[in-house]
């Protein structure tokens, strides 16, 4: 069972905790987004080759 399923199950069992479950999902999505950016954008930007023209 993943985090989204756990939050849904928690909401179905305790509807009063909807805001808590929503905050957990938002936090989890932020973490996943930052990991994606680190893996796919920042890691690739370091692979550029810089050359200097020597005369």
C-alpha atoms as a PDB file:
ATOM      1  CA  UNK A   1       0.000   0.000   0.000  1.00  0.00           C
ATOM      2  CA  UNK A   2       1.478   3.341  -1.016  1.00  0.00           C
ATOM      3  CA  UNK A   3       1.196   6.666   0.767  1.00  0.00           C
ATOM      4  CA  UNK A   4      -1.785   7.872  -1.281  1.00  0.00           C
ATOM      5  CA  UNK A   5      -3.731   4.718  -0.484  1.00  0.00           C
ATOM      6  CA  UNK A   6      -2.882   5.028   3.194  1.00  0.00           C
ATOM      7  CA  UNK A   7      -4.121   8.622   3.272  1.00  0.00           C
ATOM      8  CA  UNK A   8      -7.352   7.667   1.516  1.00  0.00           C
ATOM      9  CA  UNK A   9      -7.917   4.796   3.916  1.00  0.00           C
ATOM     10  CA  UNK A  10      -7.254   7.094   6.873  1.00  0.00           C
ATOM     11  CA  UNK A  11      -9.748   9.602   5.509  1.00  0.00           C
ATOM     12  CA  UNK A  12     -12.408   6.930   5.035  1.00  0.00           C
ATOM     13  CA  UNK A  13     -11.877   5.716   8.579  1.00  0.00           C
ATOM     14  CA  UNK A  14     -11.626   9.199  10.137  1.00  0.00           C
ATOM     15  CA  UNK A  15     -13.099  11.930   7.922  1.00  0.00           C
ATOM     16  CA  UNK A  16     -12.163  14.573  10.501  1.00  0.00           C
ATOM     17  CA  UNK A  17      -8.478  14.047   9.687  1.00  0.00           C
ATOM     18  CA  UNK A  18      -8.792  15.157   6.066  1.00  0.00           C
ATOM     19  CA  UNK A  19      -6.579  18.212   6.500  1.00  0.00           C
ATOM     20  CA  UNK A  20      -3.845  16.111   8.148  1.00  0.00           C
ATOM     21  CA  UNK A  21      -3.933  13.563   5.316  1.00  0.00           C
ATOM     22  CA  UNK A  22      -3.887  16.346   2.741  1.00  0.00           C
ATOM     23  CA  UNK A  23      -0.804  17.889   4.326  1.00  0.00           C
ATOM     24  CA  UNK A  24       0.986  14.537   4.254  1.00  0.00           C
ATOM     25  CA  UNK A  25       0.186  14.129   0.557  1.00  0.00           C
ATOM     26  CA  UNK A  26       1.384  17.662  -0.223  1.00  0.00           C
ATOM     27  CA  UNK A  27       4.637  17.039   1.635  1.00  0.00           C
ATOM     28  CA  UNK A  28       5.147  13.727  -0.147  1.00  0.00           C
ATOM     29  CA  UNK A  29       4.515  15.348  -3.546  1.00  0.00           C
ATOM     30  CA  UNK A  30       7.009  18.130  -2.759  1.00  0.00           C
ATOM     31  CA  UNK A  31       9.651  15.561  -1.851  1.00  0.00           C
ATOM     32  CA  UNK A  32       9.010  13.591  -5.046  1.00  0.00           C
ATOM     33  CA  UNK A  33       9.195  16.763  -7.138  1.00  0.00           C
ATOM     34  CA  UNK A  34      12.508  17.812  -5.587  1.00  0.00           C
ATOM     35  CA  UNK A  35      13.965  14.350  -6.125  1.00  0.00           C
ATOM     36  CA  UNK A  36      12.893  14.493  -9.777  1.00  0.00           C
ATOM     37  CA  UNK A  37      14.520  17.882 -10.242  1.00  0.00           C
ATOM     38  CA  UNK A  38      17.729  16.719  -8.592  1.00  0.00           C
ATOM     39  CA  UNK A  39      17.911  13.539 -10.639  1.00  0.00           C
ATOM     40  CA  UNK A  40      16.859  14.845 -14.027  1.00  0.00           C
ATOM     41  CA  UNK A  41      17.730  18.515 -14.265  1.00  0.00           C
ATOM     42  CA  UNK A  42      20.604  19.331 -11.943  1.00  0.00           C
ATOM     43  CA  UNK A  43      22.490  16.104 -12.640  1.00  0.00           C
ATOM     44  CA  UNK A  44      22.311  16.699 -16.404  1.00  0.00           C
ATOM     45  CA  UNK A  45      23.408  20.320 -16.148  1.00  0.00           C
ATOM     46  CA  UNK A  46      26.745  19.188 -14.721  1.00  0.00           C
ATOM     47  CA  UNK A  47      27.495  17.201 -17.868  1.00  0.00           C
ATOM     48  CA  UNK A  48      28.072  20.276 -20.062  1.00  0.00           C
ATOM     49  CA  UNK A  49      31.562  20.619 -21.497  1.00  0.00           C
ATOM     50  CA  UNK A  50      33.201  23.991 -21.174  1.00  0.00           C
ATOM     51  CA  UNK A  51      35.991  24.734 -23.596  1.00  0.00           C
ATOM     52  CA  UNK A  52      38.389  27.608 -23.739  1.00  0.00           C
ATOM     53  CA  UNK A  53      39.812  28.959 -26.965  1.00  0.00           C
ATOM     54  CA  UNK A  54      43.572  29.052 -26.655  1.00  0.00           C
ATOM     55  CA  UNK A  55      45.452  31.337 -29.084  1.00  0.00           C
END
